[in-house]
């Protein structure tokens, strides 16, 4: 894989990169219109999506930072984006061209004030893996094997300008309108800024380790604040394979169930007991050890859940709330999904759409144990998403609805559901976290 000897840092450099990508996408559309003459619409569209996904990802991987992080977030929306985008953007999770060795040393020295050789007894300048915001290196000190995460240069400084450039594209993709789109973008911007503060990440990581270490079949690395800075994190090296590698290895059902229960308990304990959650549940943030223990990593993206949101959010997951029209709509107003400004048509449309969606999406909370390997459950989610993605009535309304807290809560559950499905986890005890 080609290494990056430099990263576009200035606003002009980064804007130029995105604009040149836009030009390539324009050319792809011209080819698409030509292909429609000689090919079926389906084949022409598939080729367009593939070409656009490749060109967009190639640009984002060079920019790194927030554009690549947005791609990573979108790759988890398997029921929204075309398959070509999901496959390409998912590379942002843990397979990005790393910094060159020279740039690694320069970045480390600038951030920490010392070269790695002055801190660690051993330090591999070749990155072990690279993701959207930083890359990981192996090191040793005082007999301990360590993982050292180094943040890409300029990432934090470019977040606001990058999101301003990406905003029109995302608004068109998700048909967002009005002031709600600003609230959503500020929520994402604030979270991305938090993710680039590695001092905060170490603090959050230690809090989660202290609070969740008692959960069976899950492990965490130790973190070393004295060997960390705003752009450097030093933690224990954890041996294991990424969860996606594990699920592709045809594991035993019993083992997958054990890991699935640990994963579910971990998230439910955080949400219900801590009112805070690891809001970045993609395969690259979880390892499976040789003894089939789940290892949780990377606590840069933590979402605090205010009670004003938590209470109605989980009340909507109850069967009796879904069955009570008045109570259901009351919670919809509390969560800002419905508004007094809605027309009768909008009120009826979104009440019906969200009732159907929640009736599907909250099924795990209606039973004591749930089978996350059931393709019917995920098929119904995909069918619902595909149907409404093509709905012409929805396009005429303001589809950006709901509290800003939905962004990371929904991201958490979509990611968690996908991981549970990939594990093919069965007989998961939904409320097991209450007994921990």
Protein backbone atom coordinates (compact mmCIF):
# COMPACT_ATOMS: atom_id res chain seq x y z
CA UNK A 1 0.00 0.00 0.00
CA UNK A 2 1.38 3.43 -0.98
CA UNK A 3 2.40 5.57 2.01
CA UNK A 4 1.55 9.26 2.48
CA UNK A 5 4.58 11.55 2.64
CA UNK A 6 2.33 14.57 3.12
CA UNK A 7 -1.33 15.40 3.76
CA UNK A 8 -3.23 18.39 2.32
CA UNK A 9 -3.60 20.68 5.33
CA UNK A 10 -4.63 24.17 4.17
CA UNK A 11 -8.25 25.01 3.30
CA UNK A 12 -7.30 25.69 -0.33
CA UNK A 13 -5.48 22.36 -0.70
CA UNK A 14 -8.34 20.38 0.82
CA UNK A 15 -11.04 22.26 -1.09
CA UNK A 16 -9.16 21.75 -4.36
CA UNK A 17 -8.99 18.01 -3.69
CA UNK A 18 -12.75 17.80 -3.09
CA UNK A 19 -13.58 19.96 -6.11
CA UNK A 20 -11.40 17.83 -8.40
CA UNK A 21 -13.24 14.78 -7.09
CA UNK A 22 -16.54 16.49 -7.92
CA UNK A 23 -15.30 16.93 -11.49
CA UNK A 24 -14.54 13.20 -11.74
CA UNK A 25 -18.03 12.39 -10.47
CA UNK A 26 -19.43 14.68 -13.17
CA UNK A 27 -17.53 12.74 -15.84
CA UNK A 28 -18.87 9.48 -14.38
CA UNK A 29 -22.42 10.78 -14.83
CA UNK A 30 -21.72 11.62 -18.47
CA UNK A 31 -20.53 8.03 -18.96
CA UNK A 32 -23.65 6.81 -17.16
CA UNK A 33 -25.95 8.63 -19.58
CA UNK A 34 -24.04 7.04 -22.45
CA UNK A 35 -24.18 3.58 -20.85
CA UNK A 36 -27.97 3.82 -20.53
CA UNK A 37 -28.19 3.72 -24.32
CA UNK A 38 -26.38 0.38 -24.62
CA UNK A 39 -27.01 -1.19 -21.19
CA UNK A 40 -29.92 -1.75 -18.83
CA UNK A 41 -30.63 0.97 -16.26
CA UNK A 42 -29.58 -1.41 -13.48
CA UNK A 43 -26.20 -2.20 -15.07
CA UNK A 44 -25.53 1.46 -15.89
CA UNK A 45 -26.41 2.54 -12.36
CA UNK A 46 -24.22 -0.17 -10.81
CA UNK A 47 -21.24 0.97 -12.91
CA UNK A 48 -21.90 4.60 -11.92
CA UNK A 49 -22.01 3.74 -8.23
CA UNK A 50 -18.80 1.72 -8.48
CA UNK A 51 -16.91 4.49 -10.33
CA UNK A 52 -18.18 7.21 -7.99
CA UNK A 53 -17.38 5.17 -4.87
CA UNK A 54 -13.80 4.56 -6.07
CA UNK A 55 -13.17 8.20 -7.03
CA UNK A 56 -14.69 9.60 -3.84
CA UNK A 57 -12.84 7.16 -1.56
CA UNK A 58 -9.51 7.72 -3.35
CA UNK A 59 -9.89 11.43 -2.61
CA UNK A 60 -10.99 10.99 1.00
CA UNK A 61 -8.19 8.57 1.90
CA UNK A 62 -5.65 11.23 0.85
CA UNK A 63 -7.41 13.93 2.90
CA UNK A 64 -7.87 11.65 5.92
CA UNK A 65 -9.54 13.25 8.95
CA UNK A 66 -13.21 14.24 9.02
CA UNK A 67 -14.06 13.45 5.35
CA UNK A 68 -12.75 9.91 5.84
CA UNK A 69 -14.56 9.68 9.19
CA UNK A 70 -17.84 10.63 7.50
CA UNK A 71 -17.19 7.90 4.90
CA UNK A 72 -16.62 5.44 7.74
CA UNK A 73 -19.92 6.47 9.35
CA UNK A 74 -21.76 6.13 6.04
CA UNK A 75 -20.27 2.66 5.44
CA UNK A 76 -22.27 1.44 8.44
CA UNK A 77 -25.54 2.51 6.79
CA UNK A 78 -25.81 -0.71 4.78
CA UNK A 79 -29.55 -0.26 4.22
CA UNK A 80 -29.17 3.32 2.89
CA UNK A 81 -26.11 3.48 0.66
CA UNK A 82 -25.63 1.42 -2.53
CA UNK A 83 -23.45 -1.67 -2.00
CA UNK A 84 -20.51 -0.21 -3.96
CA UNK A 85 -20.24 2.71 -1.52
CA UNK A 86 -20.54 0.48 1.55
CA UNK A 87 -17.78 -1.84 0.33
CA UNK A 88 -15.41 0.98 -0.58
CA UNK A 89 -16.12 3.29 2.36
CA UNK A 90 -15.78 0.42 4.85
CA UNK A 91 -12.02 0.46 4.09
CA UNK A 92 -11.92 3.64 6.19
CA UNK A 93 -12.50 1.50 9.28
CA UNK A 94 -9.00 0.03 9.43
CA UNK A 95 -7.37 -0.02 5.99
CA UNK A 96 -6.10 3.43 4.97
CA UNK A 97 -2.72 4.32 3.38
CA UNK A 98 -0.42 5.10 6.35
CA UNK A 99 1.99 7.98 6.84
CA UNK A 100 5.53 7.49 5.60
CA UNK A 101 8.17 6.66 8.23
CA UNK A 102 9.70 10.14 7.94
CA UNK A 103 6.33 11.84 8.47
CA UNK A 104 5.60 9.57 11.44
CA UNK A 105 8.78 10.70 13.23
CA UNK A 106 8.16 14.34 12.35
CA UNK A 107 4.55 14.19 13.57
CA UNK A 108 5.50 12.42 16.81
CA UNK A 109 8.29 14.88 17.60
CA UNK A 110 6.04 17.89 16.94
CA UNK A 111 3.23 16.50 19.12
CA UNK A 112 5.18 14.96 22.00
CA UNK A 113 8.37 17.01 22.00
CA UNK A 114 10.51 13.90 21.72
CA UNK A 115 11.23 11.21 19.16
CA UNK A 116 9.78 7.72 19.83
CA UNK A 117 13.29 6.37 20.48
CA UNK A 118 13.58 8.73 23.46
CA UNK A 119 10.44 7.26 25.08
CA UNK A 120 10.18 3.60 24.07
CA UNK A 121 12.83 0.89 24.09
CA UNK A 122 11.44 -0.35 20.78
CA UNK A 123 9.23 1.47 18.28
CA UNK A 124 8.21 0.21 14.84
CA UNK A 125 7.99 3.24 12.51
CA UNK A 126 5.97 1.11 10.10
CA UNK A 127 2.27 1.41 10.94
CA UNK A 128 0.46 -1.74 11.97
CA UNK A 129 -2.85 -0.33 10.72
CA UNK A 130 -4.28 3.05 9.72
CA UNK A 131 -7.80 4.46 9.95
CA UNK A 132 -9.56 7.77 9.44
CA UNK A 133 -8.02 9.96 12.15
CA UNK A 134 -4.84 8.15 13.18
CA UNK A 135 -2.63 5.10 12.77
CA UNK A 136 -1.27 2.52 15.20
CA UNK A 137 2.33 1.45 15.80
CA UNK A 138 3.87 -1.33 17.89
CA UNK A 139 6.24 -0.38 20.70
CA UNK A 140 7.84 -1.81 23.86
CA UNK A 141 8.75 -0.24 27.19
CA UNK A 142 9.76 -1.85 30.50
CA UNK A 143 8.89 -5.29 29.15
CA UNK A 144 5.37 -4.32 28.07
CA UNK A 145 4.13 -4.58 24.50
CA UNK A 146 2.37 -1.33 23.62
CA UNK A 147 0.17 0.15 20.93
CA UNK A 148 0.88 3.79 20.06
CA UNK A 149 -1.78 5.70 18.17
CA UNK A 150 -0.57 8.77 16.28
CA UNK A 151 -3.02 11.33 14.96
CA UNK A 152 -2.58 12.55 11.39
CA UNK A 153 -1.21 16.11 11.17
CA UNK A 154 -3.76 18.90 10.69
CA UNK A 155 -6.81 16.71 11.34
CA UNK A 156 -8.25 18.75 14.20
CA UNK A 157 -7.60 22.11 12.55
CA UNK A 158 -9.41 21.14 9.33
CA UNK A 159 -12.63 19.65 10.77
CA UNK A 160 -14.82 22.76 10.58
CA UNK A 161 -13.79 23.73 7.05
CA UNK A 162 -14.00 20.10 5.85
CA UNK A 163 -17.55 19.70 7.15
CA UNK A 164 -18.56 22.99 5.54
CA UNK A 165 -17.41 21.55 2.20
CA UNK A 166 -19.09 18.18 2.81
CA UNK A 167 -22.37 19.63 4.10
CA UNK A 168 -24.05 20.26 0.69
CA UNK A 169 -23.26 16.70 -0.45
CA UNK A 170 -24.66 15.09 2.72
CA UNK A 171 -27.75 17.35 2.70
CA UNK A 172 -28.56 16.25 -0.86
CA UNK A 173 -27.91 12.57 -0.05
CA UNK A 174 -30.21 12.54 2.98
CA UNK A 175 -32.68 15.19 1.73
CA UNK A 176 -32.17 17.41 4.76
CA UNK A 177 -33.86 20.81 5.06
CA UNK A 178 -34.15 23.69 7.50
CA UNK A 179 -32.37 24.50 10.75
CA UNK A 180 -32.35 20.83 11.77
CA UNK A 181 -29.50 20.20 9.34
CA UNK A 182 -27.38 22.81 11.19
CA UNK A 183 -28.09 21.14 14.53
CA UNK A 184 -27.07 17.78 13.07
CA UNK A 185 -23.83 19.15 11.64
CA UNK A 186 -22.86 20.87 14.87
CA UNK A 187 -23.45 17.57 16.69
CA UNK A 188 -21.16 15.74 14.25
CA UNK A 189 -18.61 18.55 14.34
CA UNK A 190 -18.47 18.55 18.14
CA UNK A 191 -18.03 14.78 18.24
CA UNK A 192 -15.26 14.85 15.64
CA UNK A 193 -13.45 17.57 17.57
CA UNK A 194 -13.72 15.39 20.68
CA UNK A 195 -12.29 12.43 18.77
CA UNK A 196 -9.18 14.43 17.91
CA UNK A 197 -8.56 15.24 21.60
CA UNK A 198 -6.55 12.21 22.67
CA UNK A 199 -6.22 13.47 26.25
CA UNK A 200 -10.02 13.31 26.47
CA UNK A 201 -10.02 9.87 24.83
CA UNK A 202 -7.60 8.47 27.43
CA UNK A 203 -9.80 9.86 30.22
CA UNK A 204 -12.96 8.38 28.65
CA UNK A 205 -11.22 5.07 28.03
CA UNK A 206 -10.16 4.74 31.64
CA UNK A 207 -13.69 5.58 32.81
CA UNK A 208 -15.17 2.82 30.62
CA UNK A 209 -12.54 0.29 31.70
CA UNK A 210 -13.29 1.04 35.37
CA UNK A 211 -17.06 0.85 34.87
CA UNK A 212 -17.30 -2.17 32.56
CA UNK A 213 -14.44 -4.53 33.49
CA UNK A 214 -16.83 -6.74 35.48
CA UNK A 215 -18.81 -7.70 32.34
CA UNK A 216 -18.06 -11.36 31.47
CA UNK A 217 -16.04 -12.28 28.37
CA UNK A 218 -14.85 -8.76 27.56
CA UNK A 219 -11.40 -7.20 28.01
CA UNK A 220 -9.85 -3.75 27.62
CA UNK A 221 -6.31 -2.40 27.26
CA UNK A 222 -4.66 -0.34 29.99
CA UNK A 223 -3.97 3.27 29.05
CA UNK A 224 -0.89 5.32 29.95
CA UNK A 225 -1.61 9.06 30.38
CA UNK A 226 2.06 9.82 31.09
CA UNK A 227 2.96 8.41 27.64
CA UNK A 228 0.11 10.18 25.86
CA UNK A 229 -0.62 13.69 24.59
CA UNK A 230 -3.28 15.55 22.65
CA UNK A 231 -2.27 13.68 19.45
CA UNK A 232 -0.58 10.55 20.88
CA UNK A 233 -2.10 7.64 22.85
CA UNK A 234 -0.12 4.82 24.42
CA UNK A 235 -2.00 1.71 25.55
CA UNK A 236 -1.44 -2.01 25.98
CA UNK A 237 -0.99 -4.04 22.82
CA UNK A 238 -3.98 -6.37 22.63
CA UNK A 239 -3.52 -9.56 20.66
CA UNK A 240 -6.46 -10.67 18.54
CA UNK A 241 -8.13 -10.49 15.14
CA UNK A 242 -10.66 -7.90 14.03
CA UNK A 243 -14.24 -8.93 14.58
CA UNK A 244 -14.87 -8.96 10.80
CA UNK A 245 -12.01 -11.44 10.32
CA UNK A 246 -13.46 -13.60 13.07
CA UNK A 247 -16.96 -13.65 11.57
CA UNK A 248 -15.50 -14.64 8.18
CA UNK A 249 -13.76 -17.66 9.73
CA UNK A 250 -16.96 -19.70 10.18
CA UNK A 251 -16.76 -19.79 14.00
CA UNK A 252 -18.66 -22.23 16.21
CA UNK A 253 -22.17 -21.12 17.10
CA UNK A 254 -21.58 -21.47 20.83
CA UNK A 255 -18.55 -19.16 20.64
CA UNK A 256 -20.39 -16.58 18.55
CA UNK A 257 -23.24 -16.61 21.06
CA UNK A 258 -20.80 -16.00 23.93
CA UNK A 259 -19.15 -13.08 22.13
CA UNK A 260 -22.52 -11.71 21.00
CA UNK A 261 -23.83 -11.74 24.57
CA UNK A 262 -20.73 -9.92 25.80
CA UNK A 263 -21.09 -7.31 23.05
CA UNK A 264 -24.80 -6.79 23.77
CA UNK A 265 -24.25 -6.60 27.55
CA UNK A 266 -21.43 -4.09 27.05
CA UNK A 267 -23.64 -1.70 25.07
CA UNK A 268 -26.76 -2.12 27.17
CA UNK A 269 -24.83 -1.60 30.42
CA UNK A 270 -23.34 1.63 29.08
CA UNK A 271 -26.64 2.97 27.75
CA UNK A 272 -28.86 2.10 30.70
CA UNK A 273 -26.43 2.35 33.63
CA UNK A 274 -23.92 4.98 32.55
CA UNK A 275 -26.17 7.02 30.20
CA UNK A 276 -23.09 7.19 27.97
CA UNK A 277 -22.13 4.91 25.11
CA UNK A 278 -19.29 3.92 22.77
CA UNK A 279 -20.92 5.42 19.65
CA UNK A 280 -18.52 3.96 17.08
CA UNK A 281 -19.40 0.24 16.90
CA UNK A 282 -17.64 -0.86 13.74
CA UNK A 283 -15.59 -4.08 13.36
CA UNK A 284 -12.26 -2.27 13.49
CA UNK A 285 -12.90 -1.26 17.11
CA UNK A 286 -13.29 -4.84 18.36
CA UNK A 287 -10.85 -7.73 18.48
CA UNK A 288 -11.38 -11.40 19.32
CA UNK A 289 -8.59 -13.02 21.35
CA UNK A 290 -7.38 -16.61 21.03
CA UNK A 291 -9.54 -17.64 24.00
CA UNK A 292 -12.58 -16.01 22.31
CA UNK A 293 -12.77 -12.96 24.55
CA UNK A 294 -14.15 -9.75 23.08
CA UNK A 295 -11.67 -6.85 23.24
CA UNK A 296 -13.08 -3.31 23.03
CA UNK A 297 -10.91 -0.48 21.72
CA UNK A 298 -11.05 3.22 20.81
CA UNK A 299 -13.25 5.32 23.11
CA UNK A 300 -12.78 8.62 21.32
CA UNK A 301 -16.41 8.77 20.22
CA UNK A 302 -18.52 8.62 23.38
CA UNK A 303 -22.12 9.87 23.34
CA UNK A 304 -23.63 11.20 26.56
CA UNK A 305 -27.39 10.49 26.62
CA UNK A 306 -29.47 13.16 28.40
CA UNK A 307 -32.46 11.83 30.38
CA UNK A 308 -34.78 14.11 28.40
CA UNK A 309 -33.89 11.99 25.35
CA UNK A 310 -33.21 8.61 26.98
CA UNK A 311 -36.67 8.31 28.60
CA UNK A 312 -38.93 8.87 25.56
CA UNK A 313 -36.45 7.05 23.27
CA UNK A 314 -36.81 3.79 25.19
CA UNK A 315 -40.49 4.32 25.95
CA UNK A 316 -41.01 4.22 22.18
CA UNK A 317 -39.37 0.79 22.15
CA UNK A 318 -42.15 -0.65 24.34
CA UNK A 319 -44.99 -2.70 22.85
CA UNK A 320 -47.64 -0.87 24.90
CA UNK A 321 -46.41 2.53 23.64
CA UNK A 322 -46.58 1.37 20.02
CA UNK A 323 -50.11 0.08 20.65
CA UNK A 324 -51.33 3.36 22.19
CA UNK A 325 -51.76 5.96 19.42
CA UNK A 326 -52.01 8.94 21.78
CA UNK A 327 -48.98 7.91 23.87
CA UNK A 328 -46.98 7.07 20.75
CA UNK A 329 -47.56 10.48 19.21
CA UNK A 330 -46.82 12.20 22.53
CA UNK A 331 -43.35 10.60 22.55
CA UNK A 332 -42.88 11.56 18.90
CA UNK A 333 -43.35 15.20 19.83
CA UNK A 334 -40.96 14.87 22.79
CA UNK A 335 -38.29 13.54 20.44
CA UNK A 336 -38.96 16.30 17.86
CA UNK A 337 -40.01 13.84 15.17
CA UNK A 338 -43.41 15.48 14.92
CA UNK A 339 -43.89 19.23 15.09
CA UNK A 340 -46.81 21.62 15.54
CA UNK A 341 -45.73 23.14 12.23
CA UNK A 342 -46.46 19.91 10.35
CA UNK A 343 -49.31 19.90 7.87
CA UNK A 344 -52.02 17.24 8.24
CA UNK A 345 -50.39 15.32 5.41
CA UNK A 346 -46.93 15.43 7.02
CA UNK A 347 -48.36 14.50 10.42
CA UNK A 348 -50.10 11.43 8.99
CA UNK A 349 -47.17 10.41 6.79
CA UNK A 350 -44.44 10.59 9.45
CA UNK A 351 -46.61 9.09 12.19
CA UNK A 352 -47.21 6.08 9.96
CA UNK A 353 -43.64 5.82 8.70
CA UNK A 354 -42.02 5.99 12.15
CA UNK A 355 -44.58 3.63 13.67
CA UNK A 356 -43.74 1.04 11.03
CA UNK A 357 -40.00 1.62 11.42
CA UNK A 358 -40.07 1.35 15.22
CA UNK A 359 -42.30 -1.73 15.10
CA UNK A 360 -39.50 -3.41 13.13
CA UNK A 361 -36.42 -1.85 14.71
CA UNK A 362 -37.41 -2.38 18.36
CA UNK A 363 -38.28 -6.08 18.04
CA UNK A 364 -35.30 -7.21 20.19
CA UNK A 365 -36.74 -5.22 23.11
CA UNK A 366 -40.11 -6.98 22.94
CA UNK A 367 -38.76 -10.40 23.99
CA UNK A 368 -36.54 -11.94 26.67
CA UNK A 369 -34.15 -13.55 24.17
CA UNK A 370 -33.52 -12.63 20.55
CA UNK A 371 -32.02 -14.35 17.51
CA UNK A 372 -29.80 -11.82 15.73
CA UNK A 373 -28.97 -14.38 13.05
CA UNK A 374 -32.55 -14.25 11.74
CA UNK A 375 -32.35 -12.90 8.16
CA UNK A 376 -36.06 -11.94 8.30
CA UNK A 377 -35.36 -9.26 10.91
CA UNK A 378 -32.58 -7.63 8.91
CA UNK A 379 -34.43 -8.21 5.67
CA UNK A 380 -37.40 -6.26 7.01
CA UNK A 381 -35.12 -3.35 7.98
CA UNK A 382 -33.52 -3.36 4.52
CA UNK A 383 -36.91 -3.61 2.77
CA UNK A 384 -38.29 -0.71 4.79
CA UNK A 385 -35.24 1.46 4.05
CA UNK A 386 -35.27 0.64 0.34
CA UNK A 387 -39.02 1.31 0.05
CA UNK A 388 -38.83 4.73 1.67
CA UNK A 389 -35.64 5.64 -0.19
CA UNK A 390 -37.74 5.44 -3.37
CA UNK A 391 -40.81 7.11 -1.85
CA UNK A 392 -41.68 10.23 -3.85
CA UNK A 393 -43.92 11.62 -1.09
CA UNK A 394 -41.04 11.54 1.39
CA UNK A 395 -38.90 13.60 -0.98
CA UNK A 396 -41.46 16.40 -0.93
CA UNK A 397 -41.26 16.76 2.87
CA UNK A 398 -38.52 17.81 5.26
CA UNK A 399 -37.06 14.41 6.11
CA UNK A 400 -34.49 15.76 8.61
CA UNK A 401 -36.52 15.18 11.76
CA UNK A 402 -35.84 14.32 15.32
CA UNK A 403 -33.52 15.40 18.11
CA UNK A 404 -29.84 15.78 17.30
CA UNK A 405 -29.22 12.95 19.79
CA UNK A 406 -30.68 10.49 17.25
CA UNK A 407 -27.53 10.78 15.11
CA UNK A 408 -25.20 8.91 17.44
CA UNK A 409 -27.84 6.80 19.17
CA UNK A 410 -29.12 5.46 15.87
CA UNK A 411 -25.56 5.04 14.65
CA UNK A 412 -24.84 3.01 17.79
CA UNK A 413 -27.82 0.70 17.30
CA UNK A 414 -27.39 0.27 13.54
CA UNK A 415 -23.73 -0.58 14.10
CA UNK A 416 -24.50 -2.90 17.02
CA UNK A 417 -27.26 -4.71 15.10
CA UNK A 418 -24.93 -5.21 12.13
CA UNK A 419 -22.17 -6.62 14.36
CA UNK A 420 -24.65 -8.96 16.05
CA UNK A 421 -25.92 -10.12 12.65
CA UNK A 422 -22.36 -10.64 11.38
CA UNK A 423 -21.71 -12.79 14.47
CA UNK A 424 -24.95 -14.72 13.79
CA UNK A 425 -25.52 -14.53 17.54
CA UNK A 426 -28.53 -16.46 18.84
CA UNK A 427 -30.40 -16.73 22.15
CA UNK A 428 -29.16 -13.34 23.32
CA UNK A 429 -30.59 -12.38 26.70
CA UNK A 430 -31.78 -8.82 26.12
CA UNK A 431 -31.91 -7.71 29.76
CA UNK A 432 -28.91 -9.68 30.98
CA UNK A 433 -27.09 -6.41 31.78
CA UNK A 434 -29.47 -5.90 34.74
CA UNK A 435 -27.89 -8.88 36.50
CA UNK A 436 -24.29 -7.73 36.10
